[in-house]
């Protein structure tokens, strides 16, 4: 194989957009479905939501104000990929 004639490769992404990072499910007996009742702990620190993430219809999101301890800052992903994976 020959090396392709690429001189530059750019990786461009954004940050601080609301990004899905967790899901809350309920067992309906025959299957699991997103737990819309999880929204009651949205924004509150709780054993099921230790970072007080916003939760909408069973989906938890990181936002620009989400603490990222590994990076010593507050940030969120690009809307598709969580911040820690960028």
PDB file of N, CA and C in Angstrom:
ATOM      1  N   UNK A   1       0.826  -1.192   0.000  1.00  0.00           N
ATOM      2  CA  UNK A   1       0.000   0.000   0.000  1.00  0.00           C
ATOM      3  C   UNK A   1       0.862   1.243   0.000  1.00  0.00           C
ATOM      4  N   UNK A   2       0.430   2.189  -0.763  1.00  0.00           N
ATOM      5  CA  UNK A   2       1.129   3.471  -0.785  1.00  0.00           C
ATOM      6  C   UNK A   2       0.486   4.435   0.208  1.00  0.00           C
ATOM      7  N   UNK A   3       1.291   5.308   0.732  1.00  0.00           N
ATOM      8  CA  UNK A   3       0.784   6.333   1.642  1.00  0.00           C
ATOM      9  C   UNK A   3      -0.044   7.330   0.830  1.00  0.00           C
ATOM     10  N   UNK A   4      -1.273   7.649   1.283  1.00  0.00           N
ATOM     11  CA  UNK A   4      -2.092   8.610   0.534  1.00  0.00           C
ATOM     12  C   UNK A   4      -1.466  10.016   0.578  1.00  0.00           C
ATOM     13  N   UNK A   5      -1.730  10.809  -0.411  1.00  0.00           N
ATOM     14  CA  UNK A   5      -1.111  12.143  -0.480  1.00  0.00           C
ATOM     15  C   UNK A   5      -1.812  13.169   0.435  1.00  0.00           C
ATOM     16  N   UNK A   6      -1.876  12.864   1.717  1.00  0.00           N
ATOM     17  CA  UNK A   6      -2.515  13.761   2.676  1.00  0.00           C
ATOM     18  C   UNK A   6      -1.416  14.515   3.420  1.00  0.00           C
ATOM     19  N   UNK A   7      -1.464  15.843   3.344  1.00  0.00           N
ATOM     20  CA  UNK A   7      -0.446  16.628   4.020  1.00  0.00           C
ATOM     21  C   UNK A   7      -0.900  17.081   5.413  1.00  0.00           C
ATOM     22  N   UNK A   8      -2.189  17.293   5.574  1.00  0.00           N
ATOM     23  CA  UNK A   8      -2.725  17.742   6.858  1.00  0.00           C
ATOM     24  C   UNK A   8      -3.995  16.967   7.178  1.00  0.00           C
ATOM     25  N   UNK A   9      -4.164  16.689   8.445  1.00  0.00           N
ATOM     26  CA  UNK A   9      -5.388  16.044   8.917  1.00  0.00           C
ATOM     27  C   UNK A   9      -5.874  16.847  10.115  1.00  0.00           C
ATOM     28  N   UNK A  10      -7.090  17.331  10.040  1.00  0.00           N
ATOM     29  CA  UNK A  10      -7.633  18.164  11.105  1.00  0.00           C
ATOM     30  C   UNK A  10      -8.729  17.417  11.846  1.00  0.00           C
ATOM     31  N   UNK A  11      -8.698  17.508  13.146  1.00  0.00           N
ATOM     32  CA  UNK A  11      -9.754  16.955  13.983  1.00  0.00           C
ATOM     33  C   UNK A  11     -10.437  18.142  14.649  1.00  0.00           C
ATOM     34  N   UNK A  12     -11.691  18.367  14.306  1.00  0.00           N
ATOM     35  CA  UNK A  12     -12.408  19.532  14.821  1.00  0.00           C
ATOM     36  C   UNK A  12     -13.611  19.060  15.610  1.00  0.00           C
ATOM     37  N   UNK A  13     -13.771  19.594  16.794  1.00  0.00           N
ATOM     38  CA  UNK A  13     -14.923  19.263  17.622  1.00  0.00           C
ATOM     39  C   UNK A  13     -15.261  20.470  18.471  1.00  0.00           C
ATOM     40  N   UNK A  14     -16.457  20.467  18.999  1.00  0.00           N
ATOM     41  CA  UNK A  14     -16.883  21.537  19.890  1.00  0.00           C
ATOM     42  C   UNK A  14     -16.971  21.016  21.308  1.00  0.00           C
ATOM     43  N   UNK A  15     -17.196  21.911  22.237  1.00  0.00           N
ATOM     44  CA  UNK A  15     -17.427  21.506  23.623  1.00  0.00           C
ATOM     45  C   UNK A  15     -18.538  22.380  24.199  1.00  0.00           C
ATOM     46  N   UNK A  16     -18.975  22.005  25.386  1.00  0.00           N
ATOM     47  CA  UNK A  16     -19.972  22.744  26.157  1.00  0.00           C
ATOM     48  C   UNK A  16     -21.371  22.729  25.554  1.00  0.00           C
ATOM     49  N   UNK A  17     -21.704  21.656  24.863  1.00  0.00           N
ATOM     50  CA  UNK A  17     -23.077  21.440  24.402  1.00  0.00           C
ATOM     51  C   UNK A  17     -23.709  20.353  25.273  1.00  0.00           C
ATOM     52  N   UNK A  18     -25.003  20.436  25.481  1.00  0.00           N
ATOM     53  CA  UNK A  18     -25.708  19.420  26.260  1.00  0.00           C
ATOM     54  C   UNK A  18     -25.498  18.059  25.588  1.00  0.00           C
ATOM     55  N   UNK A  19     -24.939  17.094  26.350  1.00  0.00           N
ATOM     56  CA  UNK A  19     -24.554  15.800  25.790  1.00  0.00           C
ATOM     57  C   UNK A  19     -25.079  14.663  26.662  1.00  0.00           C
ATOM     58  N   UNK A  20     -25.749  13.693  26.043  1.00  0.00           N
ATOM     59  CA  UNK A  20     -26.265  12.528  26.776  1.00  0.00           C
ATOM     60  C   UNK A  20     -25.098  11.730  27.338  1.00  0.00           C
ATOM     61  N   UNK A  21     -25.183  11.385  28.652  1.00  0.00           N
ATOM     62  CA  UNK A  21     -24.111  10.567  29.215  1.00  0.00           C
ATOM     63  C   UNK A  21     -24.614   9.415  30.081  1.00  0.00           C
ATOM     64  N   UNK A  22     -25.895   9.389  30.409  1.00  0.00           N
ATOM     65  CA  UNK A  22     -26.401   8.296  31.244  1.00  0.00           C
ATOM     66  C   UNK A  22     -27.889   8.087  30.973  1.00  0.00           C
ATOM     67  N   UNK A  23     -28.351   6.883  31.275  1.00  0.00           N
ATOM     68  CA  UNK A  23     -29.753   6.537  31.045  1.00  0.00           C
ATOM     69  C   UNK A  23     -30.309   5.854  32.281  1.00  0.00           C
ATOM     70  N   UNK A  24     -31.527   6.179  32.621  1.00  0.00           N
ATOM     71  CA  UNK A  24     -32.225   5.551  33.754  1.00  0.00           C
ATOM     72  C   UNK A  24     -33.350   4.707  33.169  1.00  0.00           C
ATOM     73  N   UNK A  25     -33.362   3.434  33.536  1.00  0.00           N
ATOM     74  CA  UNK A  25     -34.369   2.509  33.011  1.00  0.00           C
ATOM     75  C   UNK A  25     -35.261   2.003  34.125  1.00  0.00           C
ATOM     76  N   UNK A  26     -36.464   1.640  33.766  1.00  0.00           N
ATOM     77  CA  UNK A  26     -37.353   0.962  34.705  1.00  0.00           C
ATOM     78  C   UNK A  26     -37.734  -0.385  34.102  1.00  0.00           C
ATOM     79  N   UNK A  27     -37.890  -1.356  34.972  1.00  0.00           N
ATOM     80  CA  UNK A  27     -38.265  -2.710  34.560  1.00  0.00           C
ATOM     81  C   UNK A  27     -39.785  -2.792  34.549  1.00  0.00           C
ATOM     82  N   UNK A  28     -40.357  -2.988  33.383  1.00  0.00           N
ATOM     83  CA  UNK A  28     -41.818  -3.061  33.273  1.00  0.00           C
ATOM     84  C   UNK A  28     -42.328  -4.489  33.420  1.00  0.00           C
ATOM     85  N   UNK A  29     -41.427  -5.417  33.721  1.00  0.00           N
ATOM     86  CA  UNK A  29     -41.813  -6.818  33.864  1.00  0.00           C
ATOM     87  C   UNK A  29     -41.464  -7.621  32.631  1.00  0.00           C
ATOM     88  N   UNK A  30     -41.767  -7.090  31.469  1.00  0.00           N
ATOM     89  CA  UNK A  30     -41.464  -7.820  30.241  1.00  0.00           C
ATOM     90  C   UNK A  30     -40.294  -7.204  29.478  1.00  0.00           C
ATOM     91  N   UNK A  31     -39.993  -5.938  29.778  1.00  0.00           N
ATOM     92  CA  UNK A  31     -38.871  -5.273  29.108  1.00  0.00           C
ATOM     93  C   UNK A  31     -38.471  -4.043  29.914  1.00  0.00           C
ATOM     94  N   UNK A  32     -37.362  -3.434  29.527  1.00  0.00           N
ATOM     95  CA  UNK A  32     -36.907  -2.210  30.161  1.00  0.00           C
ATOM     96  C   UNK A  32     -37.275  -1.035  29.271  1.00  0.00           C
ATOM     97  N   UNK A  33     -37.618   0.095  29.902  1.00  0.00           N
ATOM     98  CA  UNK A  33     -37.873   1.316  29.143  1.00  0.00           C
ATOM     99  C   UNK A  33     -37.294   2.486  29.921  1.00  0.00           C
ATOM    100  N   UNK A  34     -37.050   3.597  29.225  1.00  0.00           N
ATOM    101  CA  UNK A  34     -36.523   4.772  29.905  1.00  0.00           C
ATOM    102  C   UNK A  34     -37.473   5.180  31.020  1.00  0.00           C
ATOM    103  N   UNK A  35     -36.916   5.518  32.165  1.00  0.00           N
ATOM    104  CA  UNK A  35     -37.703   5.850  33.341  1.00  0.00           C
ATOM    105  C   UNK A  35     -37.945   7.362  33.401  1.00  0.00           C
ATOM    106  N   UNK A  36     -39.114   7.796  32.994  1.00  0.00           N
ATOM    107  CA  UNK A  36     -39.428   9.226  32.999  1.00  0.00           C
ATOM    108  C   UNK A  36     -39.505   9.782  34.420  1.00  0.00           C
ATOM    109  N   UNK A  37     -39.710   8.910  35.414  1.00  0.00           N
ATOM    110  CA  UNK A  37     -39.763   9.367  36.808  1.00  0.00           C
ATOM    111  C   UNK A  37     -38.390   9.786  37.317  1.00  0.00           C
ATOM    112  N   UNK A  38     -37.329   9.423  36.626  1.00  0.00           N
ATOM    113  CA  UNK A  38     -35.980   9.815  37.045  1.00  0.00           C
ATOM    114  C   UNK A  38     -35.810  11.328  36.991  1.00  0.00           C
ATOM    115  N   UNK A  39     -36.659  12.000  36.241  1.00  0.00           N
ATOM    116  CA  UNK A  39     -36.581  13.464  36.152  1.00  0.00           C
ATOM    117  C   UNK A  39     -36.806  14.130  37.506  1.00  0.00           C
ATOM    118  N   UNK A  40     -37.396  13.400  38.461  1.00  0.00           N
ATOM    119  CA  UNK A  40     -37.646  13.984  39.782  1.00  0.00           C
ATOM    120  C   UNK A  40     -36.348  14.249  40.540  1.00  0.00           C
ATOM    121  N   UNK A  41     -35.230  13.603  40.151  1.00  0.00           N
ATOM    122  CA  UNK A  41     -33.949  13.875  40.806  1.00  0.00           C
ATOM    123  C   UNK A  41     -33.052  14.741  39.925  1.00  0.00           C
ATOM    124  N   UNK A  42     -33.609  15.321  38.890  1.00  0.00           N
ATOM    125  CA  UNK A  42     -32.841  16.176  37.985  1.00  0.00           C
ATOM    126  C   UNK A  42     -32.251  17.362  38.740  1.00  0.00           C
ATOM    127  N   UNK A  43     -30.955  17.546  38.602  1.00  0.00           N
ATOM    128  CA  UNK A  43     -30.286  18.680  39.219  1.00  0.00           C
ATOM    129  C   UNK A  43     -30.042  18.550  40.712  1.00  0.00           C
ATOM    130  N   UNK A  44     -30.422  17.429  41.301  1.00  0.00           N
ATOM    131  CA  UNK A  44     -30.231  17.218  42.739  1.00  0.00           C
ATOM    132  C   UNK A  44     -29.152  16.162  42.981  1.00  0.00           C
ATOM    133  N   UNK A  45     -28.323  16.408  43.973  1.00  0.00           N
ATOM    134  CA  UNK A  45     -27.323  15.413  44.344  1.00  0.00           C
ATOM    135  C   UNK A  45     -28.028  14.288  45.088  1.00  0.00           C
ATOM    136  N   UNK A  46     -27.798  13.071  44.644  1.00  0.00           N
ATOM    137  CA  UNK A  46     -28.521  11.905  45.147  1.00  0.00           C
ATOM    138  C   UNK A  46     -27.633  10.694  44.879  1.00  0.00           C
ATOM    139  N   UNK A  47     -27.844   9.587  45.577  1.00  0.00           N
ATOM    140  CA  UNK A  47     -27.014   8.407  45.321  1.00  0.00           C
ATOM    141  C   UNK A  47     -27.162   7.916  43.885  1.00  0.00           C
ATOM    142  N   UNK A  48     -28.291   8.189  43.258  1.00  0.00           N
ATOM    143  CA  UNK A  48     -28.499   7.801  41.863  1.00  0.00           C
ATOM    144  C   UNK A  48     -28.091   8.889  40.878  1.00  0.00           C
ATOM    145  N   UNK A  49     -27.738  10.065  41.381  1.00  0.00           N
ATOM    146  CA  UNK A  49     -27.332  11.185  40.540  1.00  0.00           C
ATOM    147  C   UNK A  49     -26.262  11.992  41.283  1.00  0.00           C
ATOM    148  N   UNK A  50     -25.078  11.405  41.512  1.00  0.00           N
ATOM    149  CA  UNK A  50     -24.064  12.039  42.357  1.00  0.00           C
ATOM    150  C   UNK A  50     -23.544  13.374  41.848  1.00  0.00           C
ATOM    151  N   UNK A  51     -23.624  13.639  40.549  1.00  0.00           N
ATOM    152  CA  UNK A  51     -23.141  14.916  40.021  1.00  0.00           C
ATOM    153  C   UNK A  51     -24.271  15.920  39.805  1.00  0.00           C
ATOM    154  N   UNK A  52     -25.464  15.584  40.267  1.00  0.00           N
ATOM    155  CA  UNK A  52     -26.628  16.474  40.123  1.00  0.00           C
ATOM    156  C   UNK A  52     -26.859  16.860  38.657  1.00  0.00           C
ATOM    157  N   UNK A  53     -26.757  15.873  37.781  1.00  0.00           N
ATOM    158  CA  UNK A  53     -26.949  16.122  36.350  1.00  0.00           C
ATOM    159  C   UNK A  53     -28.412  16.434  36.046  1.00  0.00           C
ATOM    160  N   UNK A  54     -28.661  17.226  35.012  1.00  0.00           N
ATOM    161  CA  UNK A  54     -30.042  17.401  34.574  1.00  0.00           C
ATOM    162  C   UNK A  54     -30.528  16.113  33.900  1.00  0.00           C
ATOM    163  N   UNK A  55     -31.745  15.698  34.218  1.00  0.00           N
ATOM    164  CA  UNK A  55     -32.313  14.468  33.667  1.00  0.00           C
ATOM    165  C   UNK A  55     -33.656  14.799  33.038  1.00  0.00           C
ATOM    166  N   UNK A  56     -33.849  14.398  31.797  1.00  0.00           N
ATOM    167  CA  UNK A  56     -35.104  14.614  31.080  1.00  0.00           C
ATOM    168  C   UNK A  56     -35.569  13.293  30.495  1.00  0.00           C
ATOM    169  N   UNK A  57     -36.746  12.854  30.905  1.00  0.00           N
ATOM    170  CA  UNK A  57     -37.341  11.613  30.386  1.00  0.00           C
ATOM    171  C   UNK A  57     -36.396  10.417  30.460  1.00  0.00           C
ATOM    172  N   UNK A  58     -35.654  10.307  31.567  1.00  0.00           N
ATOM    173  CA  UNK A  58     -34.787   9.158  31.775  1.00  0.00           C
ATOM    174  C   UNK A  58     -33.394   9.277  31.188  1.00  0.00           C
ATOM    175  N   UNK A  59     -33.073  10.415  30.587  1.00  0.00           N
ATOM    176  CA  UNK A  59     -31.748  10.620  29.996  1.00  0.00           C
ATOM    177  C   UNK A  59     -31.029  11.713  30.765  1.00  0.00           C
ATOM    178  N   UNK A  60     -29.811  11.405  31.274  1.00  0.00           N
ATOM    179  CA  UNK A  60     -29.000  12.382  32.004  1.00  0.00           C
ATOM    180  C   UNK A  60     -28.023  13.035  31.037  1.00  0.00           C
ATOM    181  N   UNK A  61     -27.834  14.330  31.222  1.00  0.00           N
ATOM    182  CA  UNK A  61     -26.975  15.110  30.333  1.00  0.00           C
ATOM    183  C   UNK A  61     -25.864  15.794  31.113  1.00  0.00           C
ATOM    184  N   UNK A  62     -24.690  15.914  30.477  1.00  0.00           N
ATOM    185  CA  UNK A  62     -23.682  16.804  31.012  1.00  0.00           C
ATOM    186  C   UNK A  62     -23.865  18.137  30.297  1.00  0.00           C
ATOM    187  N   UNK A  63     -23.590  19.212  31.017  1.00  0.00           N
ATOM    188  CA  UNK A  63     -23.723  20.559  30.468  1.00  0.00           C
ATOM    189  C   UNK A  63     -22.427  21.320  30.711  1.00  0.00           C
ATOM    190  N   UNK A  64     -22.368  22.545  30.257  1.00  0.00           N
ATOM    191  CA  UNK A  64     -21.156  23.362  30.431  1.00  0.00           C
ATOM    192  C   UNK A  64     -20.787  23.524  31.900  1.00  0.00           C
ATOM    193  N   UNK A  65     -21.731  23.303  32.811  1.00  0.00           N
ATOM    194  CA  UNK A  65     -21.437  23.452  34.245  1.00  0.00           C
ATOM    195  C   UNK A  65     -21.163  22.117  34.943  1.00  0.00           C
ATOM    196  N   UNK A  66     -21.039  21.035  34.176  1.00  0.00           N
ATOM    197  CA  UNK A  66     -20.743  19.720  34.755  1.00  0.00           C
ATOM    198  C   UNK A  66     -19.267  19.634  35.131  1.00  0.00           C
ATOM    199  N   UNK A  67     -19.005  19.244  36.371  1.00  0.00           N
ATOM    200  CA  UNK A  67     -17.634  19.106  36.847  1.00  0.00           C
ATOM    201  C   UNK A  67     -16.958  17.932  36.135  1.00  0.00           C
ATOM    202  N   UNK A  68     -15.741  18.167  35.681  1.00  0.00           N
ATOM    203  CA  UNK A  68     -14.913  17.134  35.048  1.00  0.00           C
ATOM    204  C   UNK A  68     -13.663  16.973  35.910  1.00  0.00           C
ATOM    205  N   UNK A  69     -13.743  16.189  37.002  1.00  0.00           N
ATOM    206  CA  UNK A  69     -12.631  16.094  37.960  1.00  0.00           C
ATOM    207  C   UNK A  69     -11.290  15.680  37.344  1.00  0.00           C
ATOM    208  N   UNK A  70     -11.309  14.821  36.360  1.00  0.00           N
ATOM    209  CA  UNK A  70     -10.053  14.364  35.743  1.00  0.00           C
ATOM    210  C   UNK A  70      -9.328  15.493  35.016  1.00  0.00           C
ATOM    211  N   UNK A  71     -10.088  16.523  34.645  1.00  0.00           N
ATOM    212  CA  UNK A  71      -9.509  17.636  33.890  1.00  0.00           C
ATOM    213  C   UNK A  71      -9.483  18.926  34.699  1.00  0.00           C
ATOM    214  N   UNK A  72      -9.973  18.858  35.949  1.00  0.00           N
ATOM    215  CA  UNK A  72      -9.979  20.007  36.850  1.00  0.00           C
ATOM    216  C   UNK A  72     -10.677  21.218  36.243  1.00  0.00           C
ATOM    217  N   UNK A  73     -11.846  20.985  35.644  1.00  0.00           N
ATOM    218  CA  UNK A  73     -12.619  22.072  35.048  1.00  0.00           C
ATOM    219  C   UNK A  73     -14.074  21.658  34.921  1.00  0.00           C
ATOM    220  N   UNK A  74     -14.907  22.596  34.520  1.00  0.00           N
ATOM    221  CA  UNK A  74     -16.307  22.314  34.213  1.00  0.00           C
ATOM    222  C   UNK A  74     -16.474  22.413  32.701  1.00  0.00           C
ATOM    223  N   UNK A  75     -17.124  21.396  32.119  1.00  0.00           N
ATOM    224  CA  UNK A  75     -17.294  21.375  30.668  1.00  0.00           C
ATOM    225  C   UNK A  75     -18.246  20.250  30.300  1.00  0.00           C
ATOM    226  N   UNK A  76     -18.648  20.236  29.043  1.00  0.00           N
ATOM    227  CA  UNK A  76     -19.444  19.121  28.518  1.00  0.00           C
ATOM    228  C   UNK A  76     -18.974  18.810  27.111  1.00  0.00           C
ATOM    229  N   UNK A  77     -19.524  17.759  26.566  1.00  0.00           N
ATOM    230  CA  UNK A  77     -19.111  17.289  25.249  1.00  0.00           C
ATOM    231  C   UNK A  77     -19.607  18.136  24.098  1.00  0.00           C
ATOM    232  N   UNK A  78     -19.577  17.539  22.917  1.00  0.00           N
ATOM    233  CA  UNK A  78     -19.932  18.264  21.700  1.00  0.00           C
ATOM    234  C   UNK A  78     -21.347  17.956  21.216  1.00  0.00           C
ATOM    235  N   UNK A  79     -22.168  17.362  22.069  1.00  0.00           N
ATOM    236  CA  UNK A  79     -23.535  17.018  21.691  1.00  0.00           C
ATOM    237  C   UNK A  79     -23.680  15.580  21.265  1.00  0.00           C
ATOM    238  N   UNK A  80     -22.575  14.925  20.934  1.00  0.00           N
ATOM    239  CA  UNK A  80     -22.606  13.514  20.565  1.00  0.00           C
ATOM    240  C   UNK A  80     -21.636  12.681  21.386  1.00  0.00           C
ATOM    241  N   UNK A  81     -20.502  13.264  21.756  1.00  0.00           N
ATOM    242  CA  UNK A  81     -19.455  12.555  22.492  1.00  0.00           C
ATOM    243  C   UNK A  81     -19.237  13.260  23.832  1.00  0.00           C
ATOM    244  N   UNK A  82     -19.263  12.512  24.955  1.00  0.00           N
ATOM    245  CA  UNK A  82     -18.999  13.143  26.257  1.00  0.00           C
ATOM    246  C   UNK A  82     -17.616  13.789  26.310  1.00  0.00           C
ATOM    247  N   UNK A  83     -17.487  14.789  27.158  1.00  0.00           N
ATOM    248  CA  UNK A  83     -16.227  15.555  27.254  1.00  0.00           C
ATOM    249  C   UNK A  83     -15.029  14.642  27.501  1.00  0.00           C
ATOM    250  N   UNK A  84     -15.148  13.691  28.405  1.00  0.00           N
ATOM    251  CA  UNK A  84     -13.993  12.853  28.753  1.00  0.00           C
ATOM    252  C   UNK A  84     -13.538  11.970  27.592  1.00  0.00           C
ATOM    253  N   UNK A  85     -14.355  11.835  26.554  1.00  0.00           N
ATOM    254  CA  UNK A  85     -13.978  11.006  25.401  1.00  0.00           C
ATOM    255  C   UNK A  85     -13.436  11.824  24.225  1.00  0.00           C
ATOM    256  N   UNK A  86     -13.448  13.148  24.351  1.00  0.00           N
ATOM    257  CA  UNK A  86     -12.958  13.965  23.240  1.00  0.00           C
ATOM    258  C   UNK A  86     -11.444  13.995  23.217  1.00  0.00           C
TER     259      UNK A  86
END
